[in-house]
Structures are given as C-alpha cells and as structure tokens.
Amino acid sequence: MKKFTLLSTIAVLSFANPAFAEMDKMDHATMDHSTHAEMVMDGKADGAVIAKPGDAHVSVNGLVCDFCARALEKTFGKRSEVKGIDVNLETKIVTVNFNDGQTLDNDTLTQIITDSGYNVEGIHRVE
C-alpha cells in the first residue's frame, strides 16, 4: 500500500509541476483573467502588512486573482526601498511598506504598477 501511495504521489506531482512552471512564464499583461475567476481571494485575513508612516496605499484597477498579487509581490520585491507589500484583492488596495528612511515617489509607484499591466486609480500616503 505504501508503494502505491508513493507512486500515486509521484505521478500527481509530475503532472502538476509543468503546469506550475508554465504559470511562471505567463505574461500578465496579455493574460485573460476571465478564465481563472475561481482563483479570486477574499484578501488576507491574517499576516497582513501593517502600514507605518511613510508607507503607501495604492488603489489599483485590474487586480482579480492570486496570480496578480504574486506578480506584484515579485516586482516590488526586487526594489531595495521596499520592505514588503500586501495586496488586498477584495479592496484592490496594494499597501507598500518601505524600509526605514526610504521611499518611492508616486510617479515611480505608478510606473512599476502600470508596467505590470494594471492601472493606478490613486495613491494615499500613510501619515
């Protein structure tokens, strides 16, 4: 029985792995979100990033799925000024936490998000 379970697990993982690999190669700007509406999350119930003075809340149009959130997390994660982000798919708000003494101006925030395939509706700085 253990051999069967092990073989079944290996078979399932071998079929699932290529699907996940293809997901990383997708170009989000050309992605059709209507095909994966079932992936929509309700936002983060726990582990949410708490905004501190100087951080930014960005209202973003086009955030509909977990893939959207992960794409923005990867993009902002490459920036040395950014400590972390929280993408709330329910409210369509991206909270950007900056490292102490660092920030990004509104034009740069807008550029990063529009280059990722989304539209910025507004930016509010936490005071």
C-alpha atoms as a PDB file:
ATOM      1  CA  MET A   1       0.000   0.000   0.000  1.00  0.00           C
ATOM      2  CA  LYS A   2       2.862   2.384   0.812  1.00  0.00           C
ATOM      3  CA  LYS A   3       4.373   1.802  -2.631  1.00  0.00           C
ATOM      4  CA  PHE A   4       1.043   2.587  -4.296  1.00  0.00           C
ATOM      5  CA  THR A   5       0.676   5.808  -2.302  1.00  0.00           C
ATOM      6  CA  LEU A   6       4.221   6.839  -3.134  1.00  0.00           C
ATOM      7  CA  LEU A   7       3.774   6.087  -6.826  1.00  0.00           C
ATOM      8  CA  SER A   8       0.453   7.943  -6.901  1.00  0.00           C
ATOM      9  CA  THR A   9       2.026  10.980  -5.271  1.00  0.00           C
ATOM     10  CA  ILE A  10       4.916  10.971  -7.735  1.00  0.00           C
ATOM     11  CA  ALA A  11       2.515  10.671 -10.664  1.00  0.00           C
ATOM     12  CA  VAL A  12       0.375  13.569  -9.472  1.00  0.00           C
ATOM     13  CA  LEU A  13       3.385  15.795  -8.841  1.00  0.00           C
ATOM     14  CA  SER A  14       4.919  15.007 -12.197  1.00  0.00           C
ATOM     15  CA  PHE A  15       1.749  16.142 -13.950  1.00  0.00           C
ATOM     16  CA  ALA A  16       1.242  19.219 -11.751  1.00  0.00           C
ATOM     17  CA  ASN A  17       4.815  20.535 -11.916  1.00  0.00           C
ATOM     18  CA  PRO A  18       4.757  21.506 -15.643  1.00  0.00           C
ATOM     19  CA  ALA A  19       1.514  23.423 -15.083  1.00  0.00           C
ATOM     20  CA  PHE A  20       3.093  25.492 -12.321  1.00  0.00           C
ATOM     21  CA  ALA A  21       6.221  26.051 -14.398  1.00  0.00           C
ATOM     22  CA  GLU A  22       4.100  27.437 -17.227  1.00  0.00           C
ATOM     23  CA  MET A  23       2.360  29.794 -14.802  1.00  0.00           C
ATOM     24  CA  ASP A  24       5.696  31.479 -14.003  1.00  0.00           C
ATOM     25  CA  LYS A  25       6.314  32.084 -17.724  1.00  0.00           C
ATOM     26  CA  MET A  26       2.935  33.774 -18.344  1.00  0.00           C
ATOM     27  CA  ASP A  27       2.895  37.386 -19.442  1.00  0.00           C
ATOM     28  CA  HIS A  28       0.438  39.029 -17.104  1.00  0.00           C
ATOM     29  CA  ALA A  29      -0.244  41.972 -19.408  1.00  0.00           C
ATOM     30  CA  THR A  30      -1.749  39.640 -22.028  1.00  0.00           C
ATOM     31  CA  MET A  31      -3.495  37.334 -19.565  1.00  0.00           C
ATOM     32  CA  ASP A  32      -7.258  36.752 -19.773  1.00  0.00           C
ATOM     33  CA  HIS A  33      -8.500  36.914 -16.180  1.00  0.00           C
ATOM     34  CA  SER A  34     -11.964  35.635 -17.053  1.00  0.00           C
ATOM     35  CA  THR A  35     -10.587  32.100 -17.345  1.00  0.00           C
ATOM     36  CA  HIS A  36      -9.451  31.884 -13.776  1.00  0.00           C
ATOM     37  CA  ALA A  37     -12.048  33.789 -11.791  1.00  0.00           C
ATOM     38  CA  GLU A  38     -12.267  30.882  -9.356  1.00  0.00           C
ATOM     39  CA  MET A  39      -8.854  31.906  -8.025  1.00  0.00           C
ATOM     40  CA  VAL A  40     -10.158  35.189  -6.606  1.00  0.00           C
ATOM     41  CA  MET A  41      -9.252  35.559  -2.963  1.00  0.00           C
ATOM     42  CA  ASP A  42     -11.051  37.499  -0.261  1.00  0.00           C
ATOM     43  CA  GLY A  43      -7.912  39.335   0.783  1.00  0.00           C
ATOM     44  CA  LYS A  44      -5.604  38.437   3.623  1.00  0.00           C
ATOM     45  CA  ALA A  45      -7.305  37.578   6.899  1.00  0.00           C
ATOM     46  CA  ASP A  46      -4.064  37.253   8.861  1.00  0.00           C
ATOM     47  CA  GLY A  47      -0.446  38.084   8.280  1.00  0.00           C
ATOM     48  CA  ALA A  48      -1.443  41.374   6.668  1.00  0.00           C
ATOM     49  CA  VAL A  49       1.205  44.058   6.442  1.00  0.00           C
ATOM     50  CA  ILE A  50       0.609  46.901   8.879  1.00  0.00           C
ATOM     51  CA  ALA A  51       1.238  50.322   7.362  1.00  0.00           C
ATOM     52  CA  LYS A  52       3.508  52.777   9.145  1.00  0.00           C
ATOM     53  CA  PRO A  53       4.081  56.489   8.456  1.00  0.00           C
ATOM     54  CA  GLY A  54       5.589  56.989   5.019  1.00  0.00           C
ATOM     55  CA  ASP A  55       4.077  53.821   3.538  1.00  0.00           C
ATOM     56  CA  ALA A  56       1.700  53.994   0.590  1.00  0.00           C
ATOM     57  CA  HIS A  57      -1.765  52.637  -0.131  1.00  0.00           C
ATOM     58  CA  VAL A  58      -2.213  52.312  -3.882  1.00  0.00           C
ATOM     59  CA  SER A  59      -5.674  51.790  -5.380  1.00  0.00           C
ATOM     60  CA  VAL A  60      -5.166  49.501  -8.385  1.00  0.00           C
ATOM     61  CA  ASN A  61      -7.672  48.597 -11.083  1.00  0.00           C
ATOM     62  CA  GLY A  62      -7.341  45.115 -12.573  1.00  0.00           C
ATOM     63  CA  LEU A  63      -6.392  43.048  -9.529  1.00  0.00           C
ATOM     64  CA  VAL A  64      -8.612  39.972  -9.666  1.00  0.00           C
ATOM     65  CA  CYS A  65      -6.611  36.887  -8.770  1.00  0.00           C
ATOM     66  CA  ASP A  66      -3.829  35.439  -6.685  1.00  0.00           C
ATOM     67  CA  PHE A  67      -1.576  35.461  -9.763  1.00  0.00           C
ATOM     68  CA  CYS A  68      -1.992  39.243  -9.909  1.00  0.00           C
ATOM     69  CA  ALA A  69      -0.935  39.563  -6.282  1.00  0.00           C
ATOM     70  CA  ARG A  70       2.096  37.293  -6.687  1.00  0.00           C
ATOM     71  CA  ALA A  71       3.219  39.160  -9.812  1.00  0.00           C
ATOM     72  CA  LEU A  72       3.216  42.480  -7.954  1.00  0.00           C
ATOM     73  CA  GLU A  73       4.924  40.940  -4.928  1.00  0.00           C
ATOM     74  CA  LYS A  74       7.747  39.694  -7.158  1.00  0.00           C
ATOM     75  CA  THR A  75       8.084  43.048  -8.918  1.00  0.00           C
ATOM     76  CA  PHE A  76       8.166  45.117  -5.733  1.00  0.00           C
ATOM     77  CA  GLY A  77      10.372  42.535  -4.020  1.00  0.00           C
ATOM     78  CA  LYS A  78      13.181  43.475  -6.422  1.00  0.00           C
ATOM     79  CA  ARG A  79      13.229  47.062  -5.154  1.00  0.00           C
ATOM     80  CA  SER A  80      15.712  47.843  -2.372  1.00  0.00           C
ATOM     81  CA  GLU A  81      13.428  50.557  -0.958  1.00  0.00           C
ATOM     82  CA  VAL A  82      10.524  48.150  -0.419  1.00  0.00           C
ATOM     83  CA  LYS A  83      10.313  46.123   2.770  1.00  0.00           C
ATOM     84  CA  GLY A  84       7.160  44.288   1.679  1.00  0.00           C
ATOM     85  CA  ILE A  85       3.713  44.670   0.184  1.00  0.00           C
ATOM     86  CA  ASP A  86       0.209  43.492   0.946  1.00  0.00           C
ATOM     87  CA  VAL A  87      -2.194  43.010  -1.958  1.00  0.00           C
ATOM     88  CA  ASN A  88      -5.834  43.005  -0.894  1.00  0.00           C
ATOM     89  CA  LEU A  89      -7.847  41.606  -3.803  1.00  0.00           C
ATOM     90  CA  GLU A  90     -11.160  42.455  -2.168  1.00  0.00           C
ATOM     91  CA  THR A  91     -10.466  46.172  -1.813  1.00  0.00           C
ATOM     92  CA  LYS A  92      -7.995  46.373  -4.759  1.00  0.00           C
ATOM     93  CA  ILE A  93      -5.530  48.160  -2.474  1.00  0.00           C
ATOM     94  CA  VAL A  94      -1.793  47.478  -2.529  1.00  0.00           C
ATOM     95  CA  THR A  95      -0.046  48.556   0.677  1.00  0.00           C
ATOM     96  CA  VAL A  96       3.635  49.209   0.061  1.00  0.00           C
ATOM     97  CA  ASN A  97       5.878  49.135   3.151  1.00  0.00           C
ATOM     98  CA  PHE A  98       9.203  50.905   2.763  1.00  0.00           C
ATOM     99  CA  ASN A  99      12.468  50.260   4.572  1.00  0.00           C
ATOM    100  CA  ASP A 100      13.317  52.848   7.228  1.00  0.00           C
ATOM    101  CA  GLY A 101      14.346  56.148   5.671  1.00  0.00           C
ATOM    102  CA  GLN A 102      13.470  55.033   2.132  1.00  0.00           C
ATOM    103  CA  THR A 103      10.509  55.571  -0.174  1.00  0.00           C
ATOM    104  CA  LEU A 104       9.434  55.684  -3.818  1.00  0.00           C
ATOM    105  CA  ASP A 105       7.744  58.728  -5.299  1.00  0.00           C
ATOM    106  CA  ASN A 106       4.222  58.468  -6.715  1.00  0.00           C
ATOM    107  CA  ASP A 107       5.436  58.538 -10.320  1.00  0.00           C
ATOM    108  CA  THR A 108       7.739  55.566  -9.696  1.00  0.00           C
ATOM    109  CA  LEU A 109       4.991  53.610  -7.902  1.00  0.00           C
ATOM    110  CA  THR A 110       2.637  54.303 -10.794  1.00  0.00           C
ATOM    111  CA  GLN A 111       5.249  53.273 -13.364  1.00  0.00           C
ATOM    112  CA  ILE A 112       6.001  49.976 -11.591  1.00  0.00           C
ATOM    113  CA  ILE A 113       2.315  49.068 -11.421  1.00  0.00           C
ATOM    114  CA  THR A 114       1.426  50.148 -14.965  1.00  0.00           C
ATOM    115  CA  ASP A 115       4.458  48.274 -16.325  1.00  0.00           C
ATOM    116  CA  SER A 116       2.995  45.202 -14.589  1.00  0.00           C
ATOM    117  CA  GLY A 117      -0.251  45.606 -16.554  1.00  0.00           C
ATOM    118  CA  TYR A 118      -2.514  47.415 -14.082  1.00  0.00           C
ATOM    119  CA  ASN A 119      -3.994  50.900 -13.757  1.00  0.00           C
ATOM    120  CA  VAL A 120      -3.379  53.082 -10.715  1.00  0.00           C
ATOM    121  CA  GLU A 121      -6.508  54.881  -9.548  1.00  0.00           C
ATOM    122  CA  GLY A 122      -4.913  56.721  -6.642  1.00  0.00           C
ATOM    123  CA  ILE A 123      -2.100  56.795  -4.112  1.00  0.00           C
ATOM    124  CA  HIS A 124      -2.527  57.661  -0.442  1.00  0.00           C
ATOM    125  CA  ARG A 125       0.488  58.094   1.827  1.00  0.00           C
ATOM    126  CA  VAL A 126       0.169  56.965   5.439  1.00  0.00           C
ATOM    127  CA  GLU A 127       0.868  59.848   7.822  1.00  0.00           C
END
